[in-house]
C-alpha atoms as a PDB file:
ATOM      1  CA  MET A   1      20.424  -5.187  15.970  1.00  0.00           C
ATOM      2  CA  GLN A   2      17.449  -3.834  14.025  1.00  0.00           C
ATOM      3  CA  ILE A   3      13.969  -5.026  15.009  1.00  0.00           C
ATOM      4  CA  LYS A   4      11.752  -5.761  12.009  1.00  0.00           C
ATOM      5  CA  THR A   5       8.134  -4.696  12.142  1.00  0.00           C
ATOM      6  CA  PRO A   6       5.838  -7.447  10.891  1.00  0.00           C
ATOM      7  CA  LYS A   7       4.291  -6.669   7.517  1.00  0.00           C
ATOM      8  CA  LEU A   8       0.533  -6.374   7.277  1.00  0.00           C
ATOM      9  CA  PRO A   9      -0.692  -9.327   5.201  1.00  0.00           C
ATOM     10  CA  ILE A  10      -3.086  -8.304   2.424  1.00  0.00           C
ATOM     11  CA  ALA A  11      -3.898 -11.708   0.906  1.00  0.00           C
ATOM     12  CA  CYS A  12      -4.926 -15.034   2.390  1.00  0.00           C
ATOM     13  CA  PRO A  13      -1.914 -17.365   2.502  1.00  0.00           C
ATOM     14  CA  SER A  14      -4.182 -20.283   1.581  1.00  0.00           C
ATOM     15  CA  CYS A  15      -6.330 -19.000  -1.316  1.00  0.00           C
ATOM     16  CA  GLN A  16      -4.838 -15.532  -2.101  1.00  0.00           C
ATOM     17  CA  GLU A  17      -8.184 -13.712  -1.627  1.00  0.00           C
ATOM     18  CA  SER A  18      -8.069 -10.230  -0.059  1.00  0.00           C
ATOM     19  CA  LEU A  19      -8.060 -10.196   3.721  1.00  0.00           C
ATOM     20  CA  HIS A  20     -10.446  -8.064   5.790  1.00  0.00           C
ATOM     21  CA  VAL A  21      -9.826  -6.449   9.150  1.00  0.00           C
ATOM     22  CA  SER A  22     -11.870  -8.190  11.822  1.00  0.00           C
ATOM     23  CA  GLN A  23     -10.544  -6.711  15.060  1.00  0.00           C
ATOM     24  CA  LEU A  24      -8.825  -3.566  16.292  1.00  0.00           C
ATOM     25  CA  SER A  25      -7.552  -3.033  19.817  1.00  0.00           C
ATOM     26  CA  CYS A  26      -6.328  -0.090  21.862  1.00  0.00           C
ATOM     27  CA  PRO A  27      -2.953  -0.754  23.525  1.00  0.00           C
ATOM     28  CA  ALA A  28      -3.665   1.892  26.193  1.00  0.00           C
ATOM     29  CA  CYS A  29      -6.994   0.660  27.577  1.00  0.00           C
ATOM     30  CA  SER A  30      -7.453  -2.755  25.926  1.00  0.00           C
ATOM     31  CA  THR A  31     -10.745  -1.754  24.261  1.00  0.00           C
ATOM     32  CA  GLN A  32     -11.460  -4.025  21.304  1.00  0.00           C
ATOM     33  CA  VAL A  33     -13.632  -3.356  18.266  1.00  0.00           C
ATOM     34  CA  SER A  34     -14.769  -6.309  16.185  1.00  0.00           C
ATOM     35  CA  GLY A  35     -16.419  -6.417  12.787  1.00  0.00           C
ATOM     36  CA  ASN A  36     -15.605  -7.208   9.185  1.00  0.00           C
ATOM     37  CA  TYR A  37     -14.022  -4.268   7.397  1.00  0.00           C
ATOM     38  CA  PRO A  38     -12.267  -4.317   4.016  1.00  0.00           C
ATOM     39  CA  LEU A  39      -8.746  -2.909   3.857  1.00  0.00           C
ATOM     40  CA  PRO A  40      -8.517   0.562   2.287  1.00  0.00           C
ATOM     41  CA  VAL A  41      -7.545   0.522  -1.396  1.00  0.00           C
ATOM     42  CA  LEU A  42      -3.960   1.719  -0.866  1.00  0.00           C
ATOM     43  CA  LEU A  43      -3.324  -0.935   1.791  1.00  0.00           C
ATOM     44  CA  ARG A  44      -4.359  -3.625  -0.684  1.00  0.00           C
ATOM     45  CA  LEU A  45      -1.418  -2.738  -2.917  1.00  0.00           C
ATOM     46  CA  PRO A  46       1.822  -4.693  -2.529  1.00  0.00           C
ATOM     47  CA  ALA A  47       4.442  -3.138  -0.229  1.00  0.00           C
ATOM     48  CA  ASP A  48       6.662  -2.031  -3.131  1.00  0.00           C
ATOM     49  CA  GLU A  49       3.787  -0.107  -4.741  1.00  0.00           C
ATOM     50  CA  GLN A  50       2.892   1.487  -1.397  1.00  0.00           C
ATOM     51  CA  ALA A  51       6.543   2.561  -1.039  1.00  0.00           C
ATOM     52  CA  PHE A  52       6.465   4.008  -4.579  1.00  0.00           C
ATOM     53  CA  ILE A  53       3.358   6.069  -3.743  1.00  0.00           C
ATOM     54  CA  LEU A  54       4.943   7.305  -0.511  1.00  0.00           C
ATOM     55  CA  GLN A  55       8.111   8.326  -2.339  1.00  0.00           C
ATOM     56  CA  PHE A  56       5.998  10.092  -5.001  1.00  0.00           C
ATOM     57  CA  PHE A  57       4.207  11.998  -2.243  1.00  0.00           C
ATOM     58  CA  LEU A  58       7.444  12.887  -0.436  1.00  0.00           C
ATOM     59  CA  SER A  59       9.014  14.127  -3.673  1.00  0.00           C
ATOM     60  CA  GLY A  60       6.156  16.626  -3.986  1.00  0.00           C
ATOM     61  CA  GLY A  61       4.575  14.726  -6.849  1.00  0.00           C
ATOM     62  CA  SER A  62       7.560  15.417  -9.094  1.00  0.00           C
ATOM     63  CA  LEU A  63       8.266  12.430 -11.309  1.00  0.00           C
ATOM     64  CA  LYS A  64      11.486  14.089 -12.475  1.00  0.00           C
ATOM     65  CA  GLU A  65      12.680  14.424  -8.869  1.00  0.00           C
ATOM     66  CA  MET A  66      11.637  10.880  -8.101  1.00  0.00           C
ATOM     67  CA  ALA A  67      13.483   9.503 -11.119  1.00  0.00           C
ATOM     68  CA  SER A  68      16.692  11.180 -10.016  1.00  0.00           C
ATOM     69  CA  GLN A  69      16.257  10.013  -6.405  1.00  0.00           C
ATOM     70  CA  ILE A  70      15.820   6.352  -7.292  1.00  0.00           C
ATOM     71  CA  GLY A  71      18.135   6.373 -10.301  1.00  0.00           C
ATOM     72  CA  ILE A  72      15.760   5.307 -13.059  1.00  0.00           C
ATOM     73  CA  SER A  73      14.502   7.118 -16.125  1.00  0.00           C
ATOM     74  CA  TYR A  74      11.553   9.486 -16.109  1.00  0.00           C
ATOM     75  CA  PRO A  75       9.577   7.310 -18.596  1.00  0.00           C
ATOM     76  CA  THR A  76      10.083   4.269 -16.348  1.00  0.00           C
ATOM     77  CA  VAL A  77       8.761   6.189 -13.330  1.00  0.00           C
ATOM     78  CA  ARG A  78       5.833   7.500 -15.400  1.00  0.00           C
ATOM     79  CA  ASN A  79       4.952   4.005 -16.635  1.00  0.00           C
ATOM     80  CA  ARG A  80       5.115   2.563 -13.131  1.00  0.00           C
ATOM     81  CA  LEU A  81       2.863   5.328 -11.809  1.00  0.00           C
ATOM     82  CA  ASP A  82       0.396   4.737 -14.657  1.00  0.00           C
ATOM     83  CA  ASP A  83       0.326   1.005 -13.833  1.00  0.00           C
ATOM     84  CA  ILE A  84      -0.372   1.739 -10.163  1.00  0.00           C
ATOM     85  CA  ILE A  85      -3.103   4.227 -11.084  1.00  0.00           C
ATOM     86  CA  GLU A  86      -4.820   1.575 -13.200  1.00  0.00           C
ATOM     87  CA  LYS A  87      -4.554  -0.963 -10.377  1.00  0.00           C
ATOM     88  CA  VAL A  88      -6.045   1.533  -7.885  1.00  0.00           C
ATOM     89  CA  LYS A  89      -8.910   2.276 -10.298  1.00  0.00           C
ATOM     90  CA  GLN A  90      -9.600  -1.443 -10.640  1.00  0.00           C
ATOM     91  CA  LEU A  91      -9.514  -2.010  -6.875  1.00  0.00           C
ATOM     92  CA  SER A  92     -11.773   1.010  -6.315  1.00  0.00           C
ATOM     93  CA  SER A  93     -14.335  -0.241  -8.820  1.00  0.00           C
ATOM     94  CA  GLU A  94     -14.445  -3.626  -7.046  1.00  0.00           C
ATOM     95  CA  GLU A  95     -15.651  -1.996  -3.809  1.00  0.00           C
END
């Protein structure tokens, strides 16, 4: 039986606004740090876009390699990357 790791929520389930980190804790010594910190830009992307970026990184930045690994055309991979780049630029400018 595979144990599923809970996914980090990035949007409020009530109003869909971006969530902020308000507490971190150390599992070793139980130290807690509280505050109000925005999530980093890449963590504000949906899980599928984060996975795409990770796969891009692991394929050495080769869109051709990535296209063959996931079985879609190079132009489709290129377009998806361009869409994610635009989204990251927009999120970065909002900070």
